[in-house]
PDB file of N, CA and C in Angstrom:
ATOM      1  N   MET A   1       0.057 -10.705  -7.805  1.00  0.00           N
ATOM      2  CA  MET A   1      -0.394  -9.336  -8.968  1.00  0.00           C
ATOM      3  C   MET A   1       1.187  -9.338  -9.392  1.00  0.00           C
ATOM      4  N   TYR A   2       1.717  -8.989 -10.817  1.00  0.00           N
ATOM      5  CA  TYR A   2       2.763  -8.915 -11.367  1.00  0.00           C
ATOM      6  C   TYR A   2       2.964  -7.897 -11.998  1.00  0.00           C
ATOM      7  N   SER A   3       2.201  -6.901 -12.421  1.00  0.00           N
ATOM      8  CA  SER A   3       2.230  -5.687 -13.047  1.00  0.00           C
ATOM      9  C   SER A   3       1.574  -4.394 -12.681  1.00  0.00           C
ATOM     10  N   LEU A   4       2.204  -3.638 -12.524  1.00  0.00           N
ATOM     11  CA  LEU A   4       1.500  -2.159 -12.143  1.00  0.00           C
ATOM     12  C   LEU A   4       0.322  -2.050 -12.297  1.00  0.00           C
ATOM     13  N   SER A   5      -0.222  -2.362 -13.576  1.00  0.00           N
ATOM     14  CA  SER A   5      -1.378  -1.878 -13.974  1.00  0.00           C
ATOM     15  C   SER A   5      -2.772  -3.046 -12.601  1.00  0.00           C
ATOM     16  N   ASP A   6      -2.013  -3.956 -12.698  1.00  0.00           N
ATOM     17  CA  ASP A   6      -2.941  -5.172 -11.669  1.00  0.00           C
ATOM     18  C   ASP A   6      -3.192  -4.113 -10.059  1.00  0.00           C
ATOM     19  N   VAL A   7      -1.954  -3.756  -9.882  1.00  0.00           N
ATOM     20  CA  VAL A   7      -1.631  -3.298  -9.044  1.00  0.00           C
ATOM     21  C   VAL A   7      -2.467  -2.159  -8.448  1.00  0.00           C
ATOM     22  N   ARG A   8      -2.438  -1.341  -9.574  1.00  0.00           N
ATOM     23  CA  ARG A   8      -3.464  -0.148  -9.636  1.00  0.00           C
ATOM     24  C   ARG A   8      -4.960  -0.233  -9.355  1.00  0.00           C
ATOM     25  N   LYS A   9      -5.350  -1.201 -10.059  1.00  0.00           N
ATOM     26  CA  LYS A   9      -6.789  -1.984 -10.217  1.00  0.00           C
ATOM     27  C   LYS A   9      -7.069  -2.543  -8.413  1.00  0.00           C
ATOM     28  N   HIS A  10      -5.953  -3.059  -8.065  1.00  0.00           N
ATOM     29  CA  HIS A  10      -6.238  -3.734  -6.399  1.00  0.00           C
ATOM     30  C   HIS A  10      -6.097  -2.147  -5.782  1.00  0.00           C
ATOM     31  N   ILE A  11      -5.216  -1.496  -5.721  1.00  0.00           N
ATOM     32  CA  ILE A  11      -5.609  -0.323  -4.875  1.00  0.00           C
ATOM     33  C   ILE A  11      -6.556   0.575  -4.603  1.00  0.00           C
ATOM     34  N   ASP A  12      -7.073   0.737  -6.269  1.00  0.00           N
ATOM     35  CA  ASP A  12      -8.201   1.354  -6.777  1.00  0.00           C
ATOM     36  C   ASP A  12      -9.672   1.105  -6.187  1.00  0.00           C
ATOM     37  N   SER A  13      -9.507  -0.464  -5.707  1.00  0.00           N
ATOM     38  CA  SER A  13     -10.906  -1.203  -5.278  1.00  0.00           C
ATOM     39  C   SER A  13     -11.119  -0.895  -3.780  1.00  0.00           C
ATOM     40  N   ILE A  14     -10.009  -0.403  -3.500  1.00  0.00           N
ATOM     41  CA  ILE A  14     -10.096  -0.094  -2.110  1.00  0.00           C
ATOM     42  C   ILE A  14     -10.865   1.152  -1.615  1.00  0.00           C
ATOM     43  N   SER A  15     -11.976   1.287  -0.897  1.00  0.00           N
ATOM     44  CA  SER A  15     -12.831   2.777  -0.673  1.00  0.00           C
ATOM     45  C   SER A  15     -12.089   3.163   0.424  1.00  0.00           C
ATOM     46  N   ARG A  16     -12.209   4.789   0.233  1.00  0.00           N
ATOM     47  CA  ARG A  16     -11.526   5.636   1.303  1.00  0.00           C
ATOM     48  C   ARG A  16     -12.496   5.234   2.449  1.00  0.00           C
ATOM     49  N   PRO A  17     -11.547   5.482   3.409  1.00  0.00           N
ATOM     50  CA  PRO A  17     -12.272   5.613   4.900  1.00  0.00           C
ATOM     51  C   PRO A  17     -12.361   6.831   5.243  1.00  0.00           C
ATOM     52  N   THR A  18     -13.800   6.575   6.200  1.00  0.00           N
ATOM     53  CA  THR A  18     -14.558   8.264   6.591  1.00  0.00           C
ATOM     54  C   THR A  18     -13.404   8.826   7.225  1.00  0.00           C
ATOM     55  N   GLY A  19     -13.587  10.057   6.988  1.00  0.00           N
ATOM     56  CA  GLY A  19     -12.925  11.053   7.817  1.00  0.00           C
ATOM     57  C   GLY A  19     -11.363  11.433   6.743  1.00  0.00           C
ATOM     58  N   TYR A  20     -10.882  10.497   5.771  1.00  0.00           N
ATOM     59  CA  TYR A  20     -10.063  10.764   5.240  1.00  0.00           C
ATOM     60  C   TYR A  20     -10.265  11.887   4.161  1.00  0.00           C
ATOM     61  N   ASN A  21      -9.756  13.011   3.728  1.00  0.00           N
ATOM     62  CA  ASN A  21      -9.845  13.873   2.368  1.00  0.00           C
ATOM     63  C   ASN A  21      -9.117  13.277   1.582  1.00  0.00           C
ATOM     64  N   THR A  22      -9.632  14.208   0.554  1.00  0.00           N
ATOM     65  CA  THR A  22      -9.319  13.543  -0.818  1.00  0.00           C
ATOM     66  C   THR A  22      -7.795  13.413  -1.409  1.00  0.00           C
ATOM     67  N   TYR A  23      -7.036  14.745  -0.486  1.00  0.00           N
ATOM     68  CA  TYR A  23      -5.714  14.916  -0.772  1.00  0.00           C
ATOM     69  C   TYR A  23      -5.014  14.038   0.200  1.00  0.00           C
ATOM     70  N   ALA A  24      -5.303  13.241   1.436  1.00  0.00           N
ATOM     71  CA  ALA A  24      -4.353  12.399   2.404  1.00  0.00           C
ATOM     72  C   ALA A  24      -4.877  11.292   1.693  1.00  0.00           C
ATOM     73  N   TRP A  25      -6.021  10.549   0.842  1.00  0.00           N
ATOM     74  CA  TRP A  25      -6.109   9.650   0.092  1.00  0.00           C
ATOM     75  C   TRP A  25      -5.337   9.444  -0.518  1.00  0.00           C
ATOM     76  N   ASN A  26      -5.242  10.481  -1.664  1.00  0.00           N
ATOM     77  CA  ASN A  26      -4.337  10.341  -2.883  1.00  0.00           C
ATOM     78  C   ASN A  26      -2.843  10.098  -2.380  1.00  0.00           C
ATOM     79  N   VAL A  27      -2.387  10.728  -1.058  1.00  0.00           N
ATOM     80  CA  VAL A  27      -1.217  10.443  -0.609  1.00  0.00           C
ATOM     81  C   VAL A  27      -1.075   9.073  -0.432  1.00  0.00           C
ATOM     82  N   THR A  28      -1.934   8.604   0.119  1.00  0.00           N
ATOM     83  CA  THR A  28      -2.009   7.206   0.885  1.00  0.00           C
ATOM     84  C   THR A  28      -1.801   6.369  -0.400  1.00  0.00           C
ATOM     85  N   LYS A  29      -2.494   6.246  -1.539  1.00  0.00           N
ATOM     86  CA  LYS A  29      -2.651   5.593  -2.503  1.00  0.00           C
ATOM     87  C   LYS A  29      -1.163   5.879  -3.205  1.00  0.00           C
ATOM     88  N   LYS A  30      -0.758   6.690  -3.156  1.00  0.00           N
ATOM     89  CA  LYS A  30       0.567   7.129  -3.896  1.00  0.00           C
ATOM     90  C   LYS A  30       1.774   6.297  -3.189  1.00  0.00           C
ATOM     91  N   MET A  31       1.602   6.498  -1.903  1.00  0.00           N
ATOM     92  CA  MET A  31       2.692   5.561  -1.006  1.00  0.00           C
ATOM     93  C   MET A  31       2.653   4.148  -1.251  1.00  0.00           C
ATOM     94  N   ALA A  32       1.008   3.828  -1.285  1.00  0.00           N
ATOM     95  CA  ALA A  32       1.302   1.992  -1.531  1.00  0.00           C
ATOM     96  C   ALA A  32       1.766   1.638  -3.028  1.00  0.00           C
ATOM     97  N   MET A  33       1.660   2.739  -3.952  1.00  0.00           N
ATOM     98  CA  MET A  33       2.231   2.437  -5.161  1.00  0.00           C
ATOM     99  C   MET A  33       3.771   1.988  -5.273  1.00  0.00           C
ATOM    100  N   GLU A  34       4.309   2.839  -4.610  1.00  0.00           N
ATOM    101  CA  GLU A  34       5.874   2.991  -4.165  1.00  0.00           C
ATOM    102  C   GLU A  34       6.098   1.967  -3.705  1.00  0.00           C
ATOM    103  N   VAL A  35       5.352   1.368  -2.784  1.00  0.00           N
ATOM    104  CA  VAL A  35       5.864  -0.149  -2.146  1.00  0.00           C
ATOM    105  C   VAL A  35       5.862  -0.779  -3.251  1.00  0.00           C
ATOM    106  N   TRP A  36       4.511  -1.152  -3.939  1.00  0.00           N
ATOM    107  CA  TRP A  36       4.673  -1.922  -4.752  1.00  0.00           C
ATOM    108  C   TRP A  36       5.873  -1.859  -6.058  1.00  0.00           C
ATOM    109  N   THR A  37       5.699  -0.930  -6.208  1.00  0.00           N
ATOM    110  CA  THR A  37       6.904  -0.566  -7.685  1.00  0.00           C
ATOM    111  C   THR A  37       8.004  -1.157  -6.932  1.00  0.00           C
ATOM    112  N   CYS A  38       8.716  -0.985  -5.800  1.00  0.00           N
ATOM    113  CA  CYS A  38       9.792  -1.477  -5.271  1.00  0.00           C
ATOM    114  C   CYS A  38       9.367  -3.354  -5.183  1.00  0.00           C
ATOM    115  N   TYR A  39       8.616  -3.302  -4.910  1.00  0.00           N
ATOM    116  CA  TYR A  39       8.804  -4.974  -4.731  1.00  0.00           C
ATOM    117  C   TYR A  39       8.388  -5.751  -5.755  1.00  0.00           C
ATOM    118  N   LEU A  40       7.912  -5.346  -6.858  1.00  0.00           N
ATOM    119  CA  LEU A  40       8.141  -5.635  -8.148  1.00  0.00           C
ATOM    120  C   LEU A  40       9.464  -5.602  -8.910  1.00  0.00           C
ATOM    121  N   ASN A  41      10.240  -4.502  -8.273  1.00  0.00           N
ATOM    122  CA  ASN A  41      11.336  -4.549  -9.109  1.00  0.00           C
ATOM    123  C   ASN A  41      12.407  -5.297  -8.218  1.00  0.00           C
ATOM    124  N   ASN A  42      11.786  -5.750  -6.968  1.00  0.00           N
ATOM    125  CA  ASN A  42      13.031  -6.575  -6.376  1.00  0.00           C
ATOM    126  C   ASN A  42      13.603  -5.592  -5.404  1.00  0.00           C
ATOM    127  N   ARG A  43      13.489  -4.645  -5.122  1.00  0.00           N
ATOM    128  CA  ARG A  43      14.067  -3.506  -4.566  1.00  0.00           C
ATOM    129  C   ARG A  43      13.779  -3.052  -3.172  1.00  0.00           C
ATOM    130  N   PRO A  44      14.660  -2.762  -2.538  1.00  0.00           N
ATOM    131  CA  PRO A  44      14.007  -2.646  -0.811  1.00  0.00           C
ATOM    132  C   PRO A  44      13.093  -1.320  -0.598  1.00  0.00           C
ATOM    133  N   PHE A  45      12.250  -1.263   0.017  1.00  0.00           N
ATOM    134  CA  PHE A  45      11.262   0.099   0.073  1.00  0.00           C
ATOM    135  C   PHE A  45      12.072   0.442   1.486  1.00  0.00           C
ATOM    136  N   ARG A  46      12.461   1.793   1.468  1.00  0.00           N
ATOM    137  CA  ARG A  46      13.700   2.391   2.507  1.00  0.00           C
ATOM    138  C   ARG A  46      12.630   3.187   3.418  1.00  0.00           C
ATOM    139  N   LYS A  47      11.375   3.972   2.724  1.00  0.00           N
ATOM    140  CA  LYS A  47      10.952   5.211   3.565  1.00  0.00           C
ATOM    141  C   LYS A  47       9.947   4.578   4.585  1.00  0.00           C
ATOM    142  N   PRO A  48       9.731   5.200   5.869  1.00  0.00           N
ATOM    143  CA  PRO A  48       9.128   4.576   6.929  1.00  0.00           C
ATOM    144  C   PRO A  48       7.690   4.492   6.407  1.00  0.00           C
ATOM    145  N   VAL A  49       6.876   3.486   6.941  1.00  0.00           N
ATOM    146  CA  VAL A  49       5.919   3.136   6.765  1.00  0.00           C
ATOM    147  C   VAL A  49       4.634   2.802   7.856  1.00  0.00           C
ATOM    148  N   ASN A  50       4.109   4.183   8.296  1.00  0.00           N
ATOM    149  CA  ASN A  50       3.310   4.335   9.376  1.00  0.00           C
ATOM    150  C   ASN A  50       1.874   4.917   9.150  1.00  0.00           C
ATOM    151  N   TYR A  51       1.080   4.237   8.344  1.00  0.00           N
ATOM    152  CA  TYR A  51       0.063   5.012   7.882  1.00  0.00           C
ATOM    153  C   TYR A  51      -1.118   4.423   9.447  1.00  0.00           C
ATOM    154  N   PHE A  52      -2.350   5.194   9.600  1.00  0.00           N
ATOM    155  CA  PHE A  52      -3.233   4.555  10.525  1.00  0.00           C
ATOM    156  C   PHE A  52      -4.522   4.373  10.259  1.00  0.00           C
ATOM    157  N   CYS A  53      -4.570   3.658   8.651  1.00  0.00           N
ATOM    158  CA  CYS A  53      -5.538   3.249   8.362  1.00  0.00           C
ATOM    159  C   CYS A  53      -5.499   2.077   7.945  1.00  0.00           C
ATOM    160  N   LYS A  54      -6.575   1.414   8.003  1.00  0.00           N
ATOM    161  CA  LYS A  54      -6.368  -0.064   8.094  1.00  0.00           C
ATOM    162  C   LYS A  54      -6.401  -0.436   6.381  1.00  0.00           C
ATOM    163  N   GLU A  55      -7.062   0.642   5.626  1.00  0.00           N
ATOM    164  CA  GLU A  55      -7.125   0.393   4.208  1.00  0.00           C
ATOM    165  C   GLU A  55      -5.561   0.394   3.458  1.00  0.00           C
ATOM    166  N   PHE A  56      -4.770   1.254   4.170  1.00  0.00           N
ATOM    167  CA  PHE A  56      -3.793   1.515   3.657  1.00  0.00           C
ATOM    168  C   PHE A  56      -2.573  -0.041   3.760  1.00  0.00           C
ATOM    169  N   TYR A  57      -2.848  -0.799   5.246  1.00  0.00           N
ATOM    170  CA  TYR A  57      -2.151  -1.962   5.073  1.00  0.00           C
ATOM    171  C   TYR A  57      -3.082  -3.246   3.835  1.00  0.00           C
ATOM    172  N   GLN A  58      -4.113  -2.757   3.775  1.00  0.00           N
ATOM    173  CA  GLN A  58      -4.857  -3.651   2.719  1.00  0.00           C
ATOM    174  C   GLN A  58      -4.214  -3.884   1.377  1.00  0.00           C
ATOM    175  N   MET A  59      -3.783  -2.290   1.099  1.00  0.00           N
ATOM    176  CA  MET A  59      -3.135  -2.176  -0.349  1.00  0.00           C
ATOM    177  C   MET A  59      -1.903  -2.540  -0.910  1.00  0.00           C
ATOM    178  N   ILE A  60      -1.073  -2.883   0.465  1.00  0.00           N
ATOM    179  CA  ILE A  60       0.339  -3.432   0.637  1.00  0.00           C
ATOM    180  C   ILE A  60       0.464  -4.788   1.014  1.00  0.00           C
ATOM    181  N   GLN A  61      -0.471  -5.598   0.577  1.00  0.00           N
ATOM    182  CA  GLN A  61      -0.730  -6.844   0.763  1.00  0.00           C
ATOM    183  C   GLN A  61      -1.105  -7.622  -0.591  1.00  0.00           C
ATOM    184  N   THR A  62      -0.562  -9.080  -0.378  1.00  0.00           N
ATOM    185  CA  THR A  62      -1.053  -9.743  -1.847  1.00  0.00           C
ATOM    186  C   THR A  62      -2.229 -10.334  -1.982  1.00  0.00           C
ATOM    187  N   PRO A  63      -3.161 -10.993  -2.698  1.00  0.00           N
ATOM    188  CA  PRO A  63      -4.624 -11.027  -2.344  1.00  0.00           C
ATOM    189  C   PRO A  63      -4.429 -12.344  -1.703  1.00  0.00           C
ATOM    190  N   GLU A  64      -3.521 -12.945  -1.483  1.00  0.00           N
ATOM    191  CA  GLU A  64      -3.423 -13.971  -0.409  1.00  0.00           C
ATOM    192  C   GLU A  64      -3.184 -13.709   0.906  1.00  0.00           C
ATOM    193  N   GLY A  65      -3.232 -12.264   1.162  1.00  0.00           N
ATOM    194  CA  GLY A  65      -3.085 -11.394   2.628  1.00  0.00           C
ATOM    195  C   GLY A  65      -1.944 -11.351   3.054  1.00  0.00           C
ATOM    196  N   LYS A  66      -0.753 -11.626   2.601  1.00  0.00           N
ATOM    197  CA  LYS A  66       1.007 -11.343   2.791  1.00  0.00           C
ATOM    198  C   LYS A  66       1.446 -10.201   2.527  1.00  0.00           C
ATOM    199  N   TYR A  67       1.802  -9.433   3.672  1.00  0.00           N
ATOM    200  CA  TYR A  67       2.736  -8.087   3.566  1.00  0.00           C
ATOM    201  C   TYR A  67       3.705  -8.256   2.485  1.00  0.00           C
ATOM    202  N   ILE A  68       3.711  -7.250   1.548  1.00  0.00           N
ATOM    203  CA  ILE A  68       5.175  -7.192   0.374  1.00  0.00           C
ATOM    204  C   ILE A  68       6.001  -6.958   1.153  1.00  0.00           C
ATOM    205  N   ILE A  69       6.059  -6.164   2.186  1.00  0.00           N
ATOM    206  CA  ILE A  69       7.499  -5.692   2.669  1.00  0.00           C
ATOM    207  C   ILE A  69       7.423  -6.086   4.628  1.00  0.00           C
ATOM    208  N   PRO A  70       8.534  -6.475   5.035  1.00  0.00           N
ATOM    209  CA  PRO A  70       8.436  -7.346   6.117  1.00  0.00           C
ATOM    210  C   PRO A  70       7.666  -6.706   7.620  1.00  0.00           C
ATOM    211  N   GLU A  71       6.647  -7.373   7.823  1.00  0.00           N
ATOM    212  CA  GLU A  71       6.070  -7.020   9.098  1.00  0.00           C
ATOM    213  C   GLU A  71       6.769  -6.089  10.246  1.00  0.00           C
ATOM    214  N   ASN A  72       7.734  -6.570  10.613  1.00  0.00           N
ATOM    215  CA  ASN A  72       8.567  -5.763  11.207  1.00  0.00           C
ATOM    216  C   ASN A  72       8.909  -4.285  11.074  1.00  0.00           C
ATOM    217  N   SER A  73       8.950  -3.858   9.698  1.00  0.00           N
ATOM    218  CA  SER A  73       9.379  -2.452   9.325  1.00  0.00           C
ATOM    219  C   SER A  73       8.367  -1.676   9.525  1.00  0.00           C
ATOM    220  N   PHE A  74       7.146  -1.611  10.123  1.00  0.00           N
ATOM    221  CA  PHE A  74       6.289  -0.958  10.224  1.00  0.00           C
ATOM    222  C   PHE A  74       5.262  -1.369  11.504  1.00  0.00           C
ATOM    223  N   ARG A  75       4.671  -0.119  11.924  1.00  0.00           N
ATOM    224  CA  ARG A  75       3.800  -0.255  12.663  1.00  0.00           C
ATOM    225  C   ARG A  75       1.919  -0.557  12.352  1.00  0.00           C
ATOM    226  N   ALA A  76       1.654  -1.368  12.700  1.00  0.00           N
ATOM    227  CA  ALA A  76      -0.175  -1.655  12.058  1.00  0.00           C
ATOM    228  C   ALA A  76      -0.720  -0.882  12.832  1.00  0.00           C
ATOM    229  N   TYR A  77      -1.803  -0.817  12.301  1.00  0.00           N
ATOM    230  CA  TYR A  77      -2.741  -0.053  12.608  1.00  0.00           C
ATOM    231  C   TYR A  77      -3.618  -0.856  13.953  1.00  0.00           C
TER     232      TYR A  77
END
C-alpha cells in the first residue's frame, strides 16, 4: 500500500468485532490511520499502541502480514 486511499480501503475492509461499539471502532480505525500516515511519511509513530482486538493489529500490517511498526513497540492481542 502506497497511498492513504489504499490504506483507508484496507482498514475499512476489516469488520468491527463483536462487542465493540461504533465510537470505539472509529477511534481504533483513526489510530490505525495515524500509524499508516507516519509509516507512509517515513516518520516514527510515538504514541502507545496497545489495543485489545486482533482487528487493530490486522489494520497495521501490510498485505504480506508484516507490521508497519516494530513488533517490540506494542503488546499484541
